[in-house]
Amino acid sequence: MIDIRYFRFVFAFIMALFMSLIISGVLTYLNLGFADGFFGIWMAGYAKAFAVAYPSILVISPLTTKITKAICVDKSQK
């Protein structure tokens, strides 16, 4: 198993895997439909999307965590 100190990196990796897979698949379908070679085109787009998604999540997640904590309230603590 992976040490908890790498949680941020593992979380971002897994999030990027699923996010880029879904988005690249939807965009490939919307642009081409189920054309010949759809799967190969999708996987090529997926690889490019993942290459952008993973570092983006690593950079953006601390900011989004701060913003989310600023706008959310734990009402059970009152």
PDB file of N, CA and C in Angstrom:
ATOM      1  N   MET A   1       0.831  -1.192   0.000  1.00  0.00           N
ATOM      2  CA  MET A   1       0.000   0.000   0.000  1.00  0.00           C
ATOM      3  C   MET A   1       0.871   1.249   0.000  1.00  0.00           C
ATOM      4  N   ILE A   2       0.263   2.339  -0.358  1.00  0.00           N
ATOM      5  CA  ILE A   2       0.977   3.619  -0.458  1.00  0.00           C
ATOM      6  C   ILE A   2       0.801   4.404   0.841  1.00  0.00           C
ATOM      7  N   ASP A   3       1.868   4.995   1.310  1.00  0.00           N
ATOM      8  CA  ASP A   3       1.845   5.778   2.548  1.00  0.00           C
ATOM      9  C   ASP A   3       0.882   6.956   2.429  1.00  0.00           C
ATOM     10  N   ILE A   4       0.223   7.281   3.521  1.00  0.00           N
ATOM     11  CA  ILE A   4      -0.785   8.343   3.555  1.00  0.00           C
ATOM     12  C   ILE A   4      -0.206   9.713   3.195  1.00  0.00           C
ATOM     13  N   ARG A   5       1.083   9.899   3.368  1.00  0.00           N
ATOM     14  CA  ARG A   5       1.660  11.209   3.028  1.00  0.00           C
ATOM     15  C   ARG A   5       1.581  11.497   1.529  1.00  0.00           C
ATOM     16  N   TYR A   6       1.321  10.474   0.728  1.00  0.00           N
ATOM     17  CA  TYR A   6       1.166  10.656  -0.717  1.00  0.00           C
ATOM     18  C   TYR A   6      -0.301  10.730  -1.138  1.00  0.00           C
ATOM     19  N   PHE A   7      -1.191  10.876  -0.165  1.00  0.00           N
ATOM     20  CA  PHE A   7      -2.634  10.897  -0.432  1.00  0.00           C
ATOM     21  C   PHE A   7      -2.994  11.890  -1.533  1.00  0.00           C
ATOM     22  N   ARG A   8      -2.477  13.105  -1.431  1.00  0.00           N
ATOM     23  CA  ARG A   8      -2.802  14.163  -2.403  1.00  0.00           C
ATOM     24  C   ARG A   8      -2.465  13.732  -3.834  1.00  0.00           C
ATOM     25  N   PHE A   9      -1.321  13.115  -4.000  1.00  0.00           N
ATOM     26  CA  PHE A   9      -0.878  12.712  -5.333  1.00  0.00           C
ATOM     27  C   PHE A   9      -1.685  11.524  -5.865  1.00  0.00           C
ATOM     28  N   VAL A  10      -1.972  10.577  -4.990  1.00  0.00           N
ATOM     29  CA  VAL A  10      -2.757   9.411  -5.400  1.00  0.00           C
ATOM     30  C   VAL A  10      -4.188   9.829  -5.722  1.00  0.00           C
ATOM     31  N   PHE A  11      -4.775  10.675  -4.869  1.00  0.00           N
ATOM     32  CA  PHE A  11      -6.124  11.179  -5.113  1.00  0.00           C
ATOM     33  C   PHE A  11      -6.192  11.904  -6.449  1.00  0.00           C
ATOM     34  N   ALA A  12      -5.243  12.811  -6.697  1.00  0.00           N
ATOM     35  CA  ALA A  12      -5.225  13.565  -7.959  1.00  0.00           C
ATOM     36  C   ALA A  12      -5.057  12.634  -9.147  1.00  0.00           C
ATOM     37  N   PHE A  13      -4.226  11.619  -9.013  1.00  0.00           N
ATOM     38  CA  PHE A  13      -4.001  10.663 -10.099  1.00  0.00           C
ATOM     39  C   PHE A  13      -5.287   9.920 -10.448  1.00  0.00           C
ATOM     40  N   ILE A  14      -5.956   9.401  -9.424  1.00  0.00           N
ATOM     41  CA  ILE A  14      -7.192   8.641  -9.656  1.00  0.00           C
ATOM     42  C   ILE A  14      -8.292   9.556 -10.190  1.00  0.00           C
ATOM     43  N   MET A  15      -8.411  10.756  -9.636  1.00  0.00           N
ATOM     44  CA  MET A  15      -9.399  11.716 -10.120  1.00  0.00           C
ATOM     45  C   MET A  15      -9.135  12.065 -11.578  1.00  0.00           C
ATOM     46  N   ALA A  16      -7.896  12.296 -11.926  1.00  0.00           N
ATOM     47  CA  ALA A  16      -7.539  12.632 -13.304  1.00  0.00           C
ATOM     48  C   ALA A  16      -7.828  11.468 -14.253  1.00  0.00           C
ATOM     49  N   LEU A  17      -7.564  10.239 -13.797  1.00  0.00           N
ATOM     50  CA  LEU A  17      -7.855   9.073 -14.635  1.00  0.00           C
ATOM     51  C   LEU A  17      -9.325   9.037 -15.039  1.00  0.00           C
ATOM     52  N   PHE A  18     -10.207   9.130 -14.037  1.00  0.00           N
ATOM     53  CA  PHE A  18     -11.636   9.031 -14.320  1.00  0.00           C
ATOM     54  C   PHE A  18     -12.182  10.265 -15.025  1.00  0.00           C
ATOM     55  N   MET A  19     -11.780  11.446 -14.575  1.00  0.00           N
ATOM     56  CA  MET A  19     -12.282  12.681 -15.164  1.00  0.00           C
ATOM     57  C   MET A  19     -11.908  12.784 -16.644  1.00  0.00           C
ATOM     58  N   SER A  20     -10.652  12.541 -16.960  1.00  0.00           N
ATOM     59  CA  SER A  20     -10.216  12.654 -18.347  1.00  0.00           C
ATOM     60  C   SER A  20     -10.797  11.540 -19.217  1.00  0.00           C
ATOM     61  N   LEU A  21     -11.003  10.349 -18.647  1.00  0.00           N
ATOM     62  CA  LEU A  21     -11.623   9.261 -19.404  1.00  0.00           C
ATOM     63  C   LEU A  21     -13.051   9.634 -19.814  1.00  0.00           C
ATOM     64  N   ILE A  22     -13.824  10.115 -18.866  1.00  0.00           N
ATOM     65  CA  ILE A  22     -15.219  10.456 -19.137  1.00  0.00           C
ATOM     66  C   ILE A  22     -15.320  11.636 -20.095  1.00  0.00           C
ATOM     67  N   ILE A  23     -14.594  12.703 -19.813  1.00  0.00           N
ATOM     68  CA  ILE A  23     -14.699  13.903 -20.639  1.00  0.00           C
ATOM     69  C   ILE A  23     -14.193  13.651 -22.056  1.00  0.00           C
ATOM     70  N   SER A  24     -13.082  12.957 -22.198  1.00  0.00           N
ATOM     71  CA  SER A  24     -12.567  12.691 -23.545  1.00  0.00           C
ATOM     72  C   SER A  24     -13.518  11.786 -24.324  1.00  0.00           C
ATOM     73  N   GLY A  25     -14.136  10.831 -23.641  1.00  0.00           N
ATOM     74  CA  GLY A  25     -15.102   9.963 -24.320  1.00  0.00           C
ATOM     75  C   GLY A  25     -16.322  10.719 -24.794  1.00  0.00           C
ATOM     76  N   VAL A  26     -16.853  11.567 -23.941  1.00  0.00           N
ATOM     77  CA  VAL A  26     -18.036  12.358 -24.313  1.00  0.00           C
ATOM     78  C   VAL A  26     -17.704  13.311 -25.457  1.00  0.00           C
ATOM     79  N   LEU A  27     -16.582  14.001 -25.364  1.00  0.00           N
ATOM     80  CA  LEU A  27     -16.220  14.946 -26.421  1.00  0.00           C
ATOM     81  C   LEU A  27     -15.918  14.248 -27.744  1.00  0.00           C
ATOM     82  N   THR A  28     -15.284  13.093 -27.683  1.00  0.00           N
ATOM     83  CA  THR A  28     -15.033  12.335 -28.908  1.00  0.00           C
ATOM     84  C   THR A  28     -16.358  11.923 -29.548  1.00  0.00           C
ATOM     85  N   TYR A  29     -17.278  11.449 -28.744  1.00  0.00           N
ATOM     86  CA  TYR A  29     -18.591  11.056 -29.263  1.00  0.00           C
ATOM     87  C   TYR A  29     -19.344  12.263 -29.836  1.00  0.00           C
ATOM     88  N   LEU A  30     -19.335  13.380 -29.132  1.00  0.00           N
ATOM     89  CA  LEU A  30     -20.044  14.556 -29.620  1.00  0.00           C
ATOM     90  C   LEU A  30     -19.457  15.083 -30.932  1.00  0.00           C
ATOM     91  N   ASN A  31     -18.144  14.989 -31.081  1.00  0.00           N
ATOM     92  CA  ASN A  31     -17.491  15.489 -32.291  1.00  0.00           C
ATOM     93  C   ASN A  31     -17.559  14.521 -33.463  1.00  0.00           C
ATOM     94  N   LEU A  32     -17.506  13.207 -33.194  1.00  0.00           N
ATOM     95  CA  LEU A  32     -17.404  12.235 -34.281  1.00  0.00           C
ATOM     96  C   LEU A  32     -18.550  11.236 -34.340  1.00  0.00           C
ATOM     97  N   GLY A  33     -19.289  11.085 -33.248  1.00  0.00           N
ATOM     98  CA  GLY A  33     -20.238   9.982 -33.171  1.00  0.00           C
ATOM     99  C   GLY A  33     -19.443   8.690 -33.035  1.00  0.00           C
ATOM    100  N   PHE A  34     -20.110   7.571 -33.249  1.00  0.00           N
ATOM    101  CA  PHE A  34     -19.412   6.286 -33.182  1.00  0.00           C
ATOM    102  C   PHE A  34     -18.808   5.959 -34.544  1.00  0.00           C
ATOM    103  N   ALA A  35     -17.813   6.748 -34.939  1.00  0.00           N
ATOM    104  CA  ALA A  35     -17.146   6.596 -36.231  1.00  0.00           C
ATOM    105  C   ALA A  35     -16.187   5.412 -36.185  1.00  0.00           C
ATOM    106  N   ASP A  36     -15.720   5.014 -37.371  1.00  0.00           N
ATOM    107  CA  ASP A  36     -14.693   3.974 -37.440  1.00  0.00           C
ATOM    108  C   ASP A  36     -13.464   4.440 -36.656  1.00  0.00           C
ATOM    109  N   GLY A  37     -12.913   3.552 -35.887  1.00  0.00           N
ATOM    110  CA  GLY A  37     -11.731   3.876 -35.093  1.00  0.00           C
ATOM    111  C   GLY A  37     -12.039   4.707 -33.859  1.00  0.00           C
ATOM    112  N   PHE A  38     -13.315   4.733 -33.449  1.00  0.00           N
ATOM    113  CA  PHE A  38     -13.726   5.551 -32.312  1.00  0.00           C
ATOM    114  C   PHE A  38     -12.880   5.286 -31.074  1.00  0.00           C
ATOM    115  N   PHE A  39     -12.697   4.020 -30.732  1.00  0.00           N
ATOM    116  CA  PHE A  39     -11.977   3.675 -29.503  1.00  0.00           C
ATOM    117  C   PHE A  39     -10.533   4.184 -29.542  1.00  0.00           C
ATOM    118  N   GLY A  40      -9.858   4.006 -30.650  1.00  0.00           N
ATOM    119  CA  GLY A  40      -8.472   4.474 -30.780  1.00  0.00           C
ATOM    120  C   GLY A  40      -8.365   5.988 -30.698  1.00  0.00           C
ATOM    121  N   ILE A  41      -9.301   6.670 -31.339  1.00  0.00           N
ATOM    122  CA  ILE A  41      -9.324   8.131 -31.283  1.00  0.00           C
ATOM    123  C   ILE A  41      -9.594   8.595 -29.855  1.00  0.00           C
ATOM    124  N   TRP A  42     -10.548   7.917 -29.203  1.00  0.00           N
ATOM    125  CA  TRP A  42     -10.874   8.247 -27.812  1.00  0.00           C
ATOM    126  C   TRP A  42      -9.657   8.061 -26.922  1.00  0.00           C
ATOM    127  N   MET A  43      -8.944   6.944 -27.070  1.00  0.00           N
ATOM    128  CA  MET A  43      -7.791   6.679 -26.212  1.00  0.00           C
ATOM    129  C   MET A  43      -6.664   7.677 -26.459  1.00  0.00           C
ATOM    130  N   ALA A  44      -6.496   8.116 -27.701  1.00  0.00           N
ATOM    131  CA  ALA A  44      -5.486   9.139 -27.989  1.00  0.00           C
ATOM    132  C   ALA A  44      -5.865  10.452 -27.307  1.00  0.00           C
ATOM    133  N   GLY A  45      -7.134  10.813 -27.376  1.00  0.00           N
ATOM    134  CA  GLY A  45      -7.613  12.008 -26.689  1.00  0.00           C
ATOM    135  C   GLY A  45      -7.502  11.868 -25.181  1.00  0.00           C
ATOM    136  N   TYR A  46      -7.787  10.674 -24.688  1.00  0.00           N
ATOM    137  CA  TYR A  46      -7.703  10.387 -23.251  1.00  0.00           C
ATOM    138  C   TYR A  46      -6.278  10.590 -22.745  1.00  0.00           C
ATOM    139  N   ALA A  47      -5.299  10.095 -23.466  1.00  0.00           N
ATOM    140  CA  ALA A  47      -3.898  10.249 -23.056  1.00  0.00           C
ATOM    141  C   ALA A  47      -3.515  11.724 -22.975  1.00  0.00           C
ATOM    142  N   LYS A  48      -3.957  12.506 -23.946  1.00  0.00           N
ATOM    143  CA  LYS A  48      -3.653  13.945 -23.943  1.00  0.00           C
ATOM    144  C   LYS A  48      -4.391  14.642 -22.809  1.00  0.00           C
ATOM    145  N   ALA A  49      -5.644  14.275 -22.604  1.00  0.00           N
ATOM    146  CA  ALA A  49      -6.440  14.892 -21.542  1.00  0.00           C
ATOM    147  C   ALA A  49      -5.850  14.575 -20.166  1.00  0.00           C
ATOM    148  N   PHE A  50      -5.411  13.337 -19.971  1.00  0.00           N
ATOM    149  CA  PHE A  50      -4.820  12.958 -18.689  1.00  0.00           C
ATOM    150  C   PHE A  50      -3.538  13.742 -18.433  1.00  0.00           C
ATOM    151  N   ALA A  51      -2.750  13.940 -19.473  1.00  0.00           N
ATOM    152  CA  ALA A  51      -1.492  14.681 -19.333  1.00  0.00           C
ATOM    153  C   ALA A  51      -1.740  16.118 -18.868  1.00  0.00           C
ATOM    154  N   VAL A  52      -2.891  16.667 -19.177  1.00  0.00           N
ATOM    155  CA  VAL A  52      -3.253  18.006 -18.714  1.00  0.00           C
ATOM    156  C   VAL A  52      -3.983  17.936 -17.368  1.00  0.00           C
ATOM    157  N   ALA A  53      -4.845  16.937 -17.191  1.00  0.00           N
ATOM    158  CA  ALA A  53      -5.695  16.850 -15.997  1.00  0.00           C
ATOM    159  C   ALA A  53      -4.894  16.623 -14.725  1.00  0.00           C
ATOM    160  N   TYR A  54      -3.932  15.729 -14.744  1.00  0.00           N
ATOM    161  CA  TYR A  54      -3.209  15.395 -13.508  1.00  0.00           C
ATOM    162  C   TYR A  54      -2.467  16.597 -12.922  1.00  0.00           C
ATOM    163  N   PRO A  55      -1.617  17.264 -13.688  1.00  0.00           N
ATOM    164  CA  PRO A  55      -0.956  18.435 -13.087  1.00  0.00           C
ATOM    165  C   PRO A  55      -1.940  19.552 -12.748  1.00  0.00           C
ATOM    166  N   SER A  56      -3.009  19.674 -13.520  1.00  0.00           N
ATOM    167  CA  SER A  56      -4.012  20.702 -13.224  1.00  0.00           C
ATOM    168  C   SER A  56      -4.663  20.459 -11.873  1.00  0.00           C
ATOM    169  N   ILE A  57      -5.018  19.213 -11.593  1.00  0.00           N
ATOM    170  CA  ILE A  57      -5.635  18.885 -10.307  1.00  0.00           C
ATOM    171  C   ILE A  57      -4.652  19.148  -9.167  1.00  0.00           C
ATOM    172  N   LEU A  58      -3.389  18.799  -9.349  1.00  0.00           N
ATOM    173  CA  LEU A  58      -2.397  19.047  -8.306  1.00  0.00           C
ATOM    174  C   LEU A  58      -2.257  20.538  -7.999  1.00  0.00           C
ATOM    175  N   VAL A  59      -2.343  21.370  -9.015  1.00  0.00           N
ATOM    176  CA  VAL A  59      -2.192  22.811  -8.838  1.00  0.00           C
ATOM    177  C   VAL A  59      -3.472  23.444  -8.297  1.00  0.00           C
ATOM    178  N   ILE A  60      -4.615  23.031  -8.807  1.00  0.00           N
ATOM    179  CA  ILE A  60      -5.890  23.671  -8.481  1.00  0.00           C
ATOM    180  C   ILE A  60      -6.495  23.164  -7.171  1.00  0.00           C
ATOM    181  N   SER A  61      -6.230  21.934  -6.781  1.00  0.00           N
ATOM    182  CA  SER A  61      -6.917  21.367  -5.611  1.00  0.00           C
ATOM    183  C   SER A  61      -6.686  22.129  -4.306  1.00  0.00           C
ATOM    184  N   PRO A  62      -5.495  22.646  -4.015  1.00  0.00           N
ATOM    185  CA  PRO A  62      -5.374  23.421  -2.775  1.00  0.00           C
ATOM    186  C   PRO A  62      -6.260  24.677  -2.773  1.00  0.00           C
ATOM    187  N   LEU A  63      -6.330  25.344  -3.903  1.00  0.00           N
ATOM    188  CA  LEU A  63      -7.183  26.533  -4.015  1.00  0.00           C
ATOM    189  C   LEU A  63      -8.655  26.174  -3.874  1.00  0.00           C
ATOM    190  N   THR A  64      -9.083  25.132  -4.555  1.00  0.00           N
ATOM    191  CA  THR A  64     -10.487  24.743  -4.462  1.00  0.00           C
ATOM    192  C   THR A  64     -10.847  24.256  -3.062  1.00  0.00           C
ATOM    193  N   THR A  65      -9.903  23.626  -2.379  1.00  0.00           N
ATOM    194  CA  THR A  65     -10.142  23.210  -0.992  1.00  0.00           C
ATOM    195  C   THR A  65     -10.349  24.432  -0.099  1.00  0.00           C
ATOM    196  N   LYS A  66      -9.521  25.457  -0.257  1.00  0.00           N
ATOM    197  CA  LYS A  66      -9.659  26.678   0.542  1.00  0.00           C
ATOM    198  C   LYS A  66     -10.990  27.376   0.258  1.00  0.00           C
ATOM    199  N   ILE A  67     -11.343  27.482  -1.004  1.00  0.00           N
ATOM    200  CA  ILE A  67     -12.608  28.133  -1.373  1.00  0.00           C
ATOM    201  C   ILE A  67     -13.787  27.357  -0.810  1.00  0.00           C
ATOM    202  N   THR A  68     -13.753  26.041  -0.945  1.00  0.00           N
ATOM    203  CA  THR A  68     -14.849  25.206  -0.450  1.00  0.00           C
ATOM    204  C   THR A  68     -14.988  25.327   1.064  1.00  0.00           C
ATOM    205  N   LYS A  69     -13.873  25.313   1.779  1.00  0.00           N
ATOM    206  CA  LYS A  69     -13.924  25.464   3.235  1.00  0.00           C
ATOM    207  C   LYS A  69     -14.458  26.838   3.638  1.00  0.00           C
ATOM    208  N   ALA A  70     -14.212  27.842   2.811  1.00  0.00           N
ATOM    209  CA  ALA A  70     -14.698  29.187   3.110  1.00  0.00           C
ATOM    210  C   ALA A  70     -16.208  29.319   2.914  1.00  0.00           C
ATOM    211  N   ILE A  71     -16.785  28.551   2.001  1.00  0.00           N
ATOM    212  CA  ILE A  71     -18.212  28.718   1.713  1.00  0.00           C
ATOM    213  C   ILE A  71     -19.100  27.641   2.343  1.00  0.00           C
ATOM    214  N   CYS A  72     -18.495  26.607   2.895  1.00  0.00           N
ATOM    215  CA  CYS A  72     -19.289  25.540   3.523  1.00  0.00           C
ATOM    216  C   CYS A  72     -19.203  25.660   5.048  1.00  0.00           C
ATOM    217  N   VAL A  73     -20.327  25.342   5.676  1.00  0.00           N
ATOM    218  CA  VAL A  73     -20.424  25.436   7.133  1.00  0.00           C
ATOM    219  C   VAL A  73     -20.883  24.084   7.665  1.00  0.00           C
ATOM    220  N   ASP A  74     -20.254  23.637   8.742  1.00  0.00           N
ATOM    221  CA  ASP A  74     -20.679  22.405   9.406  1.00  0.00           C
ATOM    222  C   ASP A  74     -21.758  22.775  10.407  1.00  0.00           C
ATOM    223  N   LYS A  75     -22.995  22.599  10.012  1.00  0.00           N
ATOM    224  CA  LYS A  75     -24.125  22.996  10.857  1.00  0.00           C
ATOM    225  C   LYS A  75     -24.318  22.071  12.054  1.00  0.00           C
ATOM    226  N   SER A  76     -23.683  20.925  12.067  1.00  0.00           N
ATOM    227  CA  SER A  76     -23.807  20.017  13.209  1.00  0.00           C
ATOM    228  C   SER A  76     -22.999  20.516  14.401  1.00  0.00           C
ATOM    229  N   GLN A  77     -22.079  21.439  14.182  1.00  0.00           N
ATOM    230  CA  GLN A  77     -21.233  21.989  15.242  1.00  0.00           C
ATOM    231  C   GLN A  77     -21.903  23.105  16.024  1.00  0.00           C
ATOM    232  N   LYS A  78     -23.079  23.563  15.576  1.00  0.00           N
ATOM    233  CA  LYS A  78     -23.763  24.684  16.249  1.00  0.00           C
ATOM    234  C   LYS A  78     -24.699  24.221  17.301  1.00  0.00           C
TER     235      LYS A  78
END
